Amino acid sequence: MKTKLEKMLKFPCSFTYKVIGLAQPELVDKIVKVIQLRLPGDYAPNIKSSNKGNYLSISITVFAKNFSEIEILYHELSKINLVRMVL
C-alpha cells in the first residue's frame, strides 16, 4: 500500500530533508557524505542554529528518481549518531 507521501510525489522530483542534530562541527559533513554515497551531486545545505546553540537544523534538497531513494536516505540519515530527528 502506498503512503500518502508516495502518492503525492511525482518522480523524478526534488525532495527536501530537514535534519535536526547536535551542534557539532562534523554534523553537516556527515549528512552530506551519507547523501553523496546514495545520490552524488553538489549540495548546499541551509544551516540554522537553535536559540541556545545546542542543536542545528540542516535543510538539504536532493533530486530523487523514485520513492525508494527517499526512504533509504531517511533511514541512513537517521543512523548518524549526532542526528536527533529527520523530517
PDB file of N, CA and C in Angstrom:
ATOM      1  N   MET A   1       0.843  -1.193   0.000  1.00  0.00           N
ATOM      2  CA  MET A   1       0.000   0.000   0.000  1.00  0.00           C
ATOM      3  C   MET A   1       0.883   1.249   0.000  1.00  0.00           C
ATOM      4  N   LYS A   2       0.582   2.165  -0.879  1.00  0.00           N
ATOM      5  CA  LYS A   2       1.364   3.392  -0.974  1.00  0.00           C
ATOM      6  C   LYS A   2       1.044   4.332   0.181  1.00  0.00           C
ATOM      7  N   THR A   3       2.092   5.015   0.659  1.00  0.00           N
ATOM      8  CA  THR A   3       1.886   6.007   1.701  1.00  0.00           C
ATOM      9  C   THR A   3       1.337   7.284   1.072  1.00  0.00           C
ATOM     10  N   LYS A   4       0.820   8.171   1.907  1.00  0.00           N
ATOM     11  CA  LYS A   4       0.299   9.444   1.406  1.00  0.00           C
ATOM     12  C   LYS A   4       1.401  10.237   0.712  1.00  0.00           C
ATOM     13  N   LEU A   5       2.588  10.230   1.307  1.00  0.00           N
ATOM     14  CA  LEU A   5       3.698  10.960   0.722  1.00  0.00           C
ATOM     15  C   LEU A   5       4.034  10.410  -0.658  1.00  0.00           C
ATOM     16  N   GLU A   6       4.099   9.103  -0.759  1.00  0.00           N
ATOM     17  CA  GLU A   6       4.437   8.470  -2.034  1.00  0.00           C
ATOM     18  C   GLU A   6       3.401   8.815  -3.106  1.00  0.00           C
ATOM     19  N   LYS A   7       2.143   8.881  -2.717  1.00  0.00           N
ATOM     20  CA  LYS A   7       1.081   9.220  -3.667  1.00  0.00           C
ATOM     21  C   LYS A   7       1.165  10.678  -4.130  1.00  0.00           C
ATOM     22  N   MET A   8       1.652  11.556  -3.256  1.00  0.00           N
ATOM     23  CA  MET A   8       1.718  12.983  -3.561  1.00  0.00           C
ATOM     24  C   MET A   8       2.862  13.339  -4.505  1.00  0.00           C
ATOM     25  N   LEU A   9       3.931  12.564  -4.471  1.00  0.00           N
ATOM     26  CA  LEU A   9       5.119  12.896  -5.251  1.00  0.00           C
ATOM     27  C   LEU A   9       5.063  12.330  -6.656  1.00  0.00           C
ATOM     28  N   LYS A  10       5.565  13.090  -7.603  1.00  0.00           N
ATOM     29  CA  LYS A  10       5.690  12.657  -8.996  1.00  0.00           C
ATOM     30  C   LYS A  10       7.187  12.590  -9.303  1.00  0.00           C
ATOM     31  N   PHE A  11       7.655  11.414  -9.675  1.00  0.00           N
ATOM     32  CA  PHE A  11       9.093  11.209  -9.867  1.00  0.00           C
ATOM     33  C   PHE A  11       9.486  11.313 -11.324  1.00  0.00           C
ATOM     34  N   PRO A  12      10.722  11.790 -11.541  1.00  0.00           N
ATOM     35  CA  PRO A  12      11.727  12.270 -10.600  1.00  0.00           C
ATOM     36  C   PRO A  12      11.308  13.624 -10.027  1.00  0.00           C
ATOM     37  N   CYS A  13      11.825  13.938  -8.817  1.00  0.00           N
ATOM     38  CA  CYS A  13      11.446  15.187  -8.163  1.00  0.00           C
ATOM     39  C   CYS A  13      12.498  15.638  -7.157  1.00  0.00           C
ATOM     40  N   SER A  14      12.406  16.889  -6.784  1.00  0.00           N
ATOM     41  CA  SER A  14      13.244  17.427  -5.715  1.00  0.00           C
ATOM     42  C   SER A  14      12.559  17.121  -4.392  1.00  0.00           C
ATOM     43  N   PHE A  15      13.359  16.763  -3.394  1.00  0.00           N
ATOM     44  CA  PHE A  15      12.816  16.443  -2.079  1.00  0.00           C
ATOM     45  C   PHE A  15      13.745  17.044  -1.037  1.00  0.00           C
ATOM     46  N   THR A  16      13.183  17.773  -0.081  1.00  0.00           N
ATOM     47  CA  THR A  16      13.985  18.424   0.958  1.00  0.00           C
ATOM     48  C   THR A  16      13.856  17.680   2.280  1.00  0.00           C
ATOM     49  N   TYR A  17      15.014  17.331   2.822  1.00  0.00           N
ATOM     50  CA  TYR A  17      15.090  16.739   4.159  1.00  0.00           C
ATOM     51  C   TYR A  17      15.424  17.854   5.130  1.00  0.00           C
ATOM     52  N   LYS A  18      14.859  17.774   6.328  1.00  0.00           N
ATOM     53  CA  LYS A  18      15.242  18.664   7.409  1.00  0.00           C
ATOM     54  C   LYS A  18      15.791  17.757   8.499  1.00  0.00           C
ATOM     55  N   VAL A  19      17.057  17.946   8.806  1.00  0.00           N
ATOM     56  CA  VAL A  19      17.741  17.102   9.773  1.00  0.00           C
ATOM     57  C   VAL A  19      18.087  17.955  10.985  1.00  0.00           C
ATOM     58  N   ILE A  20      17.700  17.486  12.159  1.00  0.00           N
ATOM     59  CA  ILE A  20      17.998  18.194  13.401  1.00  0.00           C
ATOM     60  C   ILE A  20      18.970  17.336  14.194  1.00  0.00           C
ATOM     61  N   GLY A  21      20.075  17.971  14.608  1.00  0.00           N
ATOM     62  CA  GLY A  21      21.086  17.214  15.332  1.00  0.00           C
ATOM     63  C   GLY A  21      21.876  18.096  16.274  1.00  0.00           C
ATOM     64  N   LEU A  22      22.775  17.447  17.014  1.00  0.00           N
ATOM     65  CA  LEU A  22      23.626  18.162  17.958  1.00  0.00           C
ATOM     66  C   LEU A  22      24.549  19.116  17.216  1.00  0.00           C
ATOM     67  N   ALA A  23      24.762  20.285  17.786  1.00  0.00           N
ATOM     68  CA  ALA A  23      25.589  21.321  17.148  1.00  0.00           C
ATOM     69  C   ALA A  23      27.065  20.948  17.271  1.00  0.00           C
ATOM     70  N   GLN A  24      27.508  20.075  16.402  1.00  0.00           N
ATOM     71  CA  GLN A  24      28.910  19.659  16.336  1.00  0.00           C
ATOM     72  C   GLN A  24      29.430  19.992  14.945  1.00  0.00           C
ATOM     73  N   PRO A  25      30.693  20.383  14.828  1.00  0.00           N
ATOM     74  CA  PRO A  25      31.238  20.787  13.529  1.00  0.00           C
ATOM     75  C   PRO A  25      31.118  19.719  12.440  1.00  0.00           C
ATOM     76  N   GLU A  26      31.188  18.456  12.808  1.00  0.00           N
ATOM     77  CA  GLU A  26      31.170  17.382  11.812  1.00  0.00           C
ATOM     78  C   GLU A  26      29.769  16.966  11.363  1.00  0.00           C
ATOM     79  N   LEU A  27      28.711  17.491  11.980  1.00  0.00           N
ATOM     80  CA  LEU A  27      27.347  17.077  11.653  1.00  0.00           C
ATOM     81  C   LEU A  27      27.017  17.299  10.173  1.00  0.00           C
ATOM     82  N   VAL A  28      27.256  18.487   9.667  1.00  0.00           N
ATOM     83  CA  VAL A  28      26.906  18.795   8.278  1.00  0.00           C
ATOM     84  C   VAL A  28      27.696  17.904   7.321  1.00  0.00           C
ATOM     85  N   ASP A  29      28.970  17.724   7.593  1.00  0.00           N
ATOM     86  CA  ASP A  29      29.800  16.870   6.733  1.00  0.00           C
ATOM     87  C   ASP A  29      29.295  15.432   6.703  1.00  0.00           C
ATOM     88  N   LYS A  30      28.871  14.924   7.849  1.00  0.00           N
ATOM     89  CA  LYS A  30      28.355  13.552   7.907  1.00  0.00           C
ATOM     90  C   LYS A  30      27.061  13.420   7.104  1.00  0.00           C
ATOM     91  N   ILE A  31      26.199  14.410   7.187  1.00  0.00           N
ATOM     92  CA  ILE A  31      24.934  14.389   6.453  1.00  0.00           C
ATOM     93  C   ILE A  31      25.199  14.414   4.946  1.00  0.00           C
ATOM     94  N   VAL A  32      26.052  15.331   4.513  1.00  0.00           N
ATOM     95  CA  VAL A  32      26.363  15.444   3.083  1.00  0.00           C
ATOM     96  C   VAL A  32      27.040  14.161   2.588  1.00  0.00           C
ATOM     97  N   LYS A  33      27.913  13.574   3.392  1.00  0.00           N
ATOM     98  CA  LYS A  33      28.604  12.337   2.998  1.00  0.00           C
ATOM     99  C   LYS A  33      27.608  11.201   2.759  1.00  0.00           C
ATOM    100  N   VAL A  34      26.634  11.040   3.655  1.00  0.00           N
ATOM    101  CA  VAL A  34      25.622   9.988   3.500  1.00  0.00           C
ATOM    102  C   VAL A  34      24.819  10.211   2.219  1.00  0.00           C
ATOM    103  N   ILE A  35      24.437  11.444   1.968  1.00  0.00           N
ATOM    104  CA  ILE A  35      23.663  11.745   0.761  1.00  0.00           C
ATOM    105  C   ILE A  35      24.513  11.517  -0.491  1.00  0.00           C
ATOM    106  N   GLN A  36      25.771  11.945  -0.459  1.00  0.00           N
ATOM    107  CA  GLN A  36      26.670  11.776  -1.603  1.00  0.00           C
ATOM    108  C   GLN A  36      26.846  10.304  -1.976  1.00  0.00           C
ATOM    109  N   LEU A  37      26.872   9.420  -0.985  1.00  0.00           N
ATOM    110  CA  LEU A  37      27.031   7.997  -1.259  1.00  0.00           C
ATOM    111  C   LEU A  37      25.862   7.441  -2.063  1.00  0.00           C
ATOM    112  N   ARG A  38      24.661   7.918  -1.791  1.00  0.00           N
ATOM    113  CA  ARG A  38      23.455   7.441  -2.479  1.00  0.00           C
ATOM    114  C   ARG A  38      23.130   8.230  -3.737  1.00  0.00           C
ATOM    115  N   LEU A  39      23.255   9.554  -3.646  1.00  0.00           N
ATOM    116  CA  LEU A  39      22.893  10.438  -4.756  1.00  0.00           C
ATOM    117  C   LEU A  39      23.996  11.478  -4.957  1.00  0.00           C
ATOM    118  N   PRO A  40      25.045  11.120  -5.687  1.00  0.00           N
ATOM    119  CA  PRO A  40      26.148  12.065  -5.901  1.00  0.00           C
ATOM    120  C   PRO A  40      25.660  13.364  -6.538  1.00  0.00           C
ATOM    121  N   GLY A  41      26.241  14.466  -6.102  1.00  0.00           N
ATOM    122  CA  GLY A  41      25.875  15.768  -6.635  1.00  0.00           C
ATOM    123  C   GLY A  41      26.425  16.877  -5.768  1.00  0.00           C
ATOM    124  N   ASP A  42      26.151  18.110  -6.162  1.00  0.00           N
ATOM    125  CA  ASP A  42      26.549  19.276  -5.380  1.00  0.00           C
ATOM    126  C   ASP A  42      25.388  19.675  -4.491  1.00  0.00           C
ATOM    127  N   TYR A  43      25.654  19.775  -3.197  1.00  0.00           N
ATOM    128  CA  TYR A  43      24.597  20.101  -2.240  1.00  0.00           C
ATOM    129  C   TYR A  43      24.969  21.344  -1.450  1.00  0.00           C
ATOM    130  N   ALA A  44      23.997  22.206  -1.248  1.00  0.00           N
ATOM    131  CA  ALA A  44      24.189  23.432  -0.485  1.00  0.00           C
ATOM    132  C   ALA A  44      23.219  23.427   0.688  1.00  0.00           C
ATOM    133  N   PRO A  45      23.604  22.808   1.806  1.00  0.00           N
ATOM    134  CA  PRO A  45      22.696  22.742   2.952  1.00  0.00           C
ATOM    135  C   PRO A  45      22.457  24.125   3.563  1.00  0.00           C
ATOM    136  N   ASN A  46      21.231  24.327   4.012  1.00  0.00           N
ATOM    137  CA  ASN A  46      20.861  25.544   4.720  1.00  0.00           C
ATOM    138  C   ASN A  46      20.918  25.208   6.210  1.00  0.00           C
ATOM    139  N   ILE A  47      21.759  25.917   6.959  1.00  0.00           N
ATOM    140  CA  ILE A  47      22.010  25.581   8.355  1.00  0.00           C
ATOM    141  C   ILE A  47      21.494  26.686   9.269  1.00  0.00           C
ATOM    142  N   LYS A  48      20.730  26.284  10.281  1.00  0.00           N
ATOM    143  CA  LYS A  48      20.238  27.228  11.288  1.00  0.00           C
ATOM    144  C   LYS A  48      20.553  26.662  12.664  1.00  0.00           C
ATOM    145  N   SER A  49      20.929  27.533  13.574  1.00  0.00           N
ATOM    146  CA  SER A  49      21.250  27.127  14.932  1.00  0.00           C
ATOM    147  C   SER A  49      20.046  27.368  15.842  1.00  0.00           C
ATOM    148  N   SER A  50      19.904  26.539  16.868  1.00  0.00           N
ATOM    149  CA  SER A  50      18.823  26.741  17.838  1.00  0.00           C
ATOM    150  C   SER A  50      19.131  27.966  18.691  1.00  0.00           C
ATOM    151  N   ASN A  51      18.150  28.446  19.425  1.00  0.00           N
ATOM    152  CA  ASN A  51      18.318  29.646  20.250  1.00  0.00           C
ATOM    153  C   ASN A  51      19.487  29.524  21.227  1.00  0.00           C
ATOM    154  N   LYS A  52      19.621  28.375  21.853  1.00  0.00           N
ATOM    155  CA  LYS A  52      20.696  28.177  22.826  1.00  0.00           C
ATOM    156  C   LYS A  52      21.977  27.653  22.191  1.00  0.00           C
ATOM    157  N   GLY A  53      21.923  27.332  20.904  1.00  0.00           N
ATOM    158  CA  GLY A  53      23.106  26.864  20.204  1.00  0.00           C
ATOM    159  C   GLY A  53      23.449  25.406  20.423  1.00  0.00           C
ATOM    160  N   ASN A  54      22.529  24.647  21.022  1.00  0.00           N
ATOM    161  CA  ASN A  54      22.790  23.229  21.289  1.00  0.00           C
ATOM    162  C   ASN A  54      22.518  22.339  20.079  1.00  0.00           C
ATOM    163  N   TYR A  55      21.650  22.801  19.171  1.00  0.00           N
ATOM    164  CA  TYR A  55      21.227  21.993  18.028  1.00  0.00           C
ATOM    165  C   TYR A  55      21.370  22.773  16.733  1.00  0.00           C
ATOM    166  N   LEU A  56      21.495  22.024  15.639  1.00  0.00           N
ATOM    167  CA  LEU A  56      21.482  22.610  14.308  1.00  0.00           C
ATOM    168  C   LEU A  56      20.322  22.012  13.530  1.00  0.00           C
ATOM    169  N   SER A  57      19.718  22.828  12.690  1.00  0.00           N
ATOM    170  CA  SER A  57      18.693  22.377  11.763  1.00  0.00           C
ATOM    171  C   SER A  57      19.282  22.528  10.369  1.00  0.00           C
ATOM    172  N   ILE A  58      19.411  21.411   9.670  1.00  0.00           N
ATOM    173  CA  ILE A  58      20.001  21.418   8.342  1.00  0.00           C
ATOM    174  C   ILE A  58      18.947  21.019   7.323  1.00  0.00           C
ATOM    175  N   SER A  59      18.666  21.906   6.389  1.00  0.00           N
ATOM    176  CA  SER A  59      17.748  21.598   5.285  1.00  0.00           C
ATOM    177  C   SER A  59      18.596  21.332   4.056  1.00  0.00           C
ATOM    178  N   ILE A  60      18.324  20.211   3.398  1.00  0.00           N
ATOM    179  CA  ILE A  60      19.106  19.852   2.220  1.00  0.00           C
ATOM    180  C   ILE A  60      18.179  19.206   1.193  1.00  0.00           C
ATOM    181  N   THR A  61      18.267  19.676  -0.042  1.00  0.00           N
ATOM    182  CA  THR A  61      17.385  19.206  -1.107  1.00  0.00           C
ATOM    183  C   THR A  61      18.139  18.257  -2.031  1.00  0.00           C
ATOM    184  N   VAL A  62      17.498  17.121  -2.318  1.00  0.00           N
ATOM    185  CA  VAL A  62      18.062  16.124  -3.227  1.00  0.00           C
ATOM    186  C   VAL A  62      17.119  15.965  -4.422  1.00  0.00           C
ATOM    187  N   PHE A  63      17.624  15.346  -5.474  1.00  0.00           N
ATOM    188  CA  PHE A  63      16.807  15.038  -6.636  1.00  0.00           C
ATOM    189  C   PHE A  63      16.658  13.523  -6.685  1.00  0.00           C
ATOM    190  N   ALA A  64      15.460  13.040  -6.363  1.00  0.00           N
ATOM    191  CA  ALA A  64      15.203  11.600  -6.272  1.00  0.00           C
ATOM    192  C   ALA A  64      14.506  11.083  -7.522  1.00  0.00           C
ATOM    193  N   LYS A  65      14.919   9.888  -7.944  1.00  0.00           N
ATOM    194  CA  LYS A  65      14.311   9.258  -9.123  1.00  0.00           C
ATOM    195  C   LYS A  65      13.101   8.408  -8.758  1.00  0.00           C
ATOM    196  N   ASN A  66      13.056   7.962  -7.482  1.00  0.00           N
ATOM    197  CA  ASN A  66      11.939   7.130  -7.041  1.00  0.00           C
ATOM    198  C   ASN A  66      11.780   7.219  -5.525  1.00  0.00           C
ATOM    199  N   PHE A  67      10.683   6.686  -5.023  1.00  0.00           N
ATOM    200  CA  PHE A  67      10.387   6.780  -3.605  1.00  0.00           C
ATOM    201  C   PHE A  67      11.366   5.956  -2.760  1.00  0.00           C
ATOM    202  N   SER A  68      11.883   4.905  -3.312  1.00  0.00           N
ATOM    203  CA  SER A  68      12.849   4.066  -2.608  1.00  0.00           C
ATOM    204  C   SER A  68      14.084   4.869  -2.198  1.00  0.00           C
ATOM    205  N   GLU A  69      14.554   5.754  -3.072  1.00  0.00           N
ATOM    206  CA  GLU A  69      15.716   6.589  -2.735  1.00  0.00           C
ATOM    207  C   GLU A  69      15.413   7.489  -1.540  1.00  0.00           C
ATOM    208  N   ILE A  70      14.211   8.023  -1.481  1.00  0.00           N
ATOM    209  CA  ILE A  70      13.820   8.887  -0.369  1.00  0.00           C
ATOM    210  C   ILE A  70      13.787   8.092   0.939  1.00  0.00           C
ATOM    211  N   GLU A  71      13.199   6.905   0.902  1.00  0.00           N
ATOM    212  CA  GLU A  71      13.124   6.057   2.093  1.00  0.00           C
ATOM    213  C   GLU A  71      14.504   5.637   2.586  1.00  0.00           C
ATOM    214  N   ILE A  72      15.353   5.201   1.676  1.00  0.00           N
ATOM    215  CA  ILE A  72      16.691   4.747   2.051  1.00  0.00           C
ATOM    216  C   ILE A  72      17.479   5.880   2.695  1.00  0.00           C
ATOM    217  N   LEU A  73      17.445   7.057   2.090  1.00  0.00           N
ATOM    218  CA  LEU A  73      18.166   8.191   2.669  1.00  0.00           C
ATOM    219  C   LEU A  73      17.613   8.575   4.032  1.00  0.00           C
ATOM    220  N   TYR A  74      16.313   8.515   4.202  1.00  0.00           N
ATOM    221  CA  TYR A  74      15.707   8.810   5.501  1.00  0.00           C
ATOM    222  C   TYR A  74      16.299   7.897   6.578  1.00  0.00           C
ATOM    223  N   HIS A  75      16.377   6.612   6.282  1.00  0.00           N
ATOM    224  CA  HIS A  75      16.905   5.651   7.256  1.00  0.00           C
ATOM    225  C   HIS A  75      18.401   5.833   7.472  1.00  0.00           C
ATOM    226  N   GLU A  76      19.141   6.105   6.406  1.00  0.00           N
ATOM    227  CA  GLU A  76      20.584   6.299   6.527  1.00  0.00           C
ATOM    228  C   GLU A  76      20.903   7.562   7.338  1.00  0.00           C
ATOM    229  N   LEU A  77      20.169   8.644   7.093  1.00  0.00           N
ATOM    230  CA  LEU A  77      20.385   9.878   7.851  1.00  0.00           C
ATOM    231  C   LEU A  77      20.039   9.687   9.331  1.00  0.00           C
ATOM    232  N   SER A  78      19.025   8.895   9.607  1.00  0.00           N
ATOM    233  CA  SER A  78      18.615   8.638  10.996  1.00  0.00           C
ATOM    234  C   SER A  78      19.677   7.879  11.780  1.00  0.00           C
ATOM    235  N   LYS A  79      20.539   7.144  11.092  1.00  0.00           N
ATOM    236  CA  LYS A  79      21.578   6.341  11.750  1.00  0.00           C
ATOM    237  C   LYS A  79      22.788   7.162  12.203  1.00  0.00           C
ATOM    238  N   ILE A  80      22.924   8.395  11.722  1.00  0.00           N
ATOM    239  CA  ILE A  80      24.066   9.234  12.115  1.00  0.00           C
ATOM    240  C   ILE A  80      23.956   9.519  13.609  1.00  0.00           C
ATOM    241  N   ASN A  81      25.049   9.273  14.342  1.00  0.00           N
ATOM    242  CA  ASN A  81      24.990   9.356  15.800  1.00  0.00           C
ATOM    243  C   ASN A  81      24.645  10.755  16.342  1.00  0.00           C
ATOM    244  N   LEU A  82      24.926  11.809  15.618  1.00  0.00           N
ATOM    245  CA  LEU A  82      24.622  13.171  16.088  1.00  0.00           C
ATOM    246  C   LEU A  82      23.195  13.620  15.743  1.00  0.00           C
ATOM    247  N   VAL A  83      22.528  12.875  14.880  1.00  0.00           N
ATOM    248  CA  VAL A  83      21.186  13.247  14.416  1.00  0.00           C
ATOM    249  C   VAL A  83      20.140  12.857  15.459  1.00  0.00           C
ATOM    250  N   ARG A  84      19.224  13.774  15.715  1.00  0.00           N
ATOM    251  CA  ARG A  84      18.151  13.528  16.668  1.00  0.00           C
ATOM    252  C   ARG A  84      16.798  13.347  15.973  1.00  0.00           C
ATOM    253  N   MET A  85      16.645  13.930  14.767  1.00  0.00           N
ATOM    254  CA  MET A  85      15.364  13.847  14.069  1.00  0.00           C
ATOM    255  C   MET A  85      15.565  14.118  12.576  1.00  0.00           C
ATOM    256  N   VAL A  86      14.844  13.379  11.737  1.00  0.00           N
ATOM    257  CA  VAL A  86      14.858  13.617  10.296  1.00  0.00           C
ATOM    258  C   VAL A  86      13.413  13.810   9.847  1.00  0.00           C
ATOM    259  N   LEU A  87      13.155  14.938   9.211  1.00  0.00           N
ATOM    260  CA  LEU A  87      11.810  15.248   8.723  1.00  0.00           C
ATOM    261  C   LEU A  87      11.833  15.339   7.212  1.00  0.00           C
TER     262      LEU A  87
END
